[in-house]
Amino acid sequence: METLYKLISSETECDGEIKTFYGIELRGENSYRVESLSTSKQLVNDLVSICNKLKLSQIHIYDVCEDFLVKNY
């Protein structure tokens, strides 16, 4: 089964205001969601595009998300 990464979003109250957070969803042999990676849709969408382009194996999703956070925050 081919692995597909997808941009997801959720709204959360933060400091008295509603903010949209973006994350990544993986569908393959198993499904995973890593929510609230960033409030930047573009940054997370770029990550999704890279994962799909490289056909990233699902076993690496958490390491890739951790690296994304270290690099961007």
Protein backbone atom coordinates (compact mmCIF):
# COMPACT_ATOMS: atom_id res chain seq x y z
CA MET A 1 0.00 0.00 0.00
CA GLU A 2 1.30 3.45 -0.93
CA THR A 3 1.92 5.92 1.87
CA LEU A 4 0.21 9.30 1.53
CA TYR A 5 0.82 12.36 3.68
CA LYS A 6 -1.87 15.01 4.07
CA LEU A 7 -2.14 18.45 5.70
CA ILE A 8 -4.59 18.59 8.62
CA SER A 9 -5.82 21.50 10.72
CA SER A 10 -7.50 22.08 14.03
CA GLU A 11 -8.59 25.11 15.98
CA THR A 12 -7.51 25.63 19.58
CA GLU A 13 -8.05 28.41 22.07
CA CYS A 14 -4.74 29.96 23.01
CA ASP A 15 -4.36 33.05 25.20
CA GLY A 16 -8.05 33.84 24.85
CA GLU A 17 -8.18 33.65 21.07
CA ILE A 18 -8.88 30.86 18.59
CA LYS A 19 -5.81 29.84 16.59
CA THR A 20 -5.52 27.38 13.71
CA PHE A 21 -2.78 24.79 14.07
CA TYR A 22 -1.57 22.55 11.27
CA GLY A 23 -0.27 19.03 11.38
CA ILE A 24 0.33 16.00 9.22
CA GLU A 25 -1.70 12.86 8.67
CA LEU A 26 -0.23 9.68 7.27
CA ARG A 27 -2.24 7.00 5.55
CA GLY A 28 -0.56 3.75 4.62
CA GLU A 29 -0.39 0.34 6.25
CA ASN A 30 -1.22 2.23 9.45
CA SER A 31 -2.65 5.70 9.95
CA TYR A 32 -0.99 8.34 12.12
CA ARG A 33 -1.77 11.96 12.96
CA VAL A 34 0.72 14.46 14.32
CA GLU A 35 -1.33 17.49 15.24
CA SER A 36 -0.40 21.06 16.13
CA LEU A 37 3.05 21.17 14.56
CA SER A 38 2.75 24.84 13.63
CA THR A 39 0.44 27.78 13.09
CA SER A 40 2.15 28.23 9.70
CA LYS A 41 0.14 26.44 7.05
CA GLN A 42 2.91 26.99 4.49
CA LEU A 43 5.63 25.38 6.64
CA VAL A 44 3.58 22.26 7.33
CA ASN A 45 2.35 22.06 3.74
CA ASP A 46 5.99 22.15 2.58
CA LEU A 47 6.75 19.28 4.98
CA VAL A 48 3.81 17.28 3.59
CA SER A 49 5.01 17.88 0.03
CA ILE A 50 8.54 16.73 0.85
CA CYS A 51 7.28 13.58 2.58
CA ASN A 52 5.12 12.70 -0.42
CA LYS A 53 7.82 13.53 -2.96
CA LEU A 54 10.39 11.36 -1.17
CA LYS A 55 7.81 8.63 -0.46
CA LEU A 56 8.93 8.73 3.15
CA SER A 57 8.47 5.43 4.96
CA GLN A 58 5.94 5.65 7.77
CA ILE A 59 8.49 4.43 10.29
CA HIS A 60 10.23 7.81 10.05
CA ILE A 61 7.24 10.12 10.61
CA TYR A 62 7.91 10.95 14.26
CA ASP A 63 11.63 11.58 13.67
CA VAL A 64 10.82 13.86 10.73
CA CYS A 65 8.29 15.82 12.79
CA GLU A 66 10.80 16.17 15.64
CA ASP A 67 13.44 17.44 13.20
CA PHE A 68 10.88 19.87 11.75
CA LEU A 69 10.17 21.32 15.20
CA VAL A 70 13.87 21.62 16.09
CA LYS A 71 14.63 23.38 12.81
CA ASN A 72 11.69 25.78 12.90
CA TYR A 73 11.24 26.58 16.60
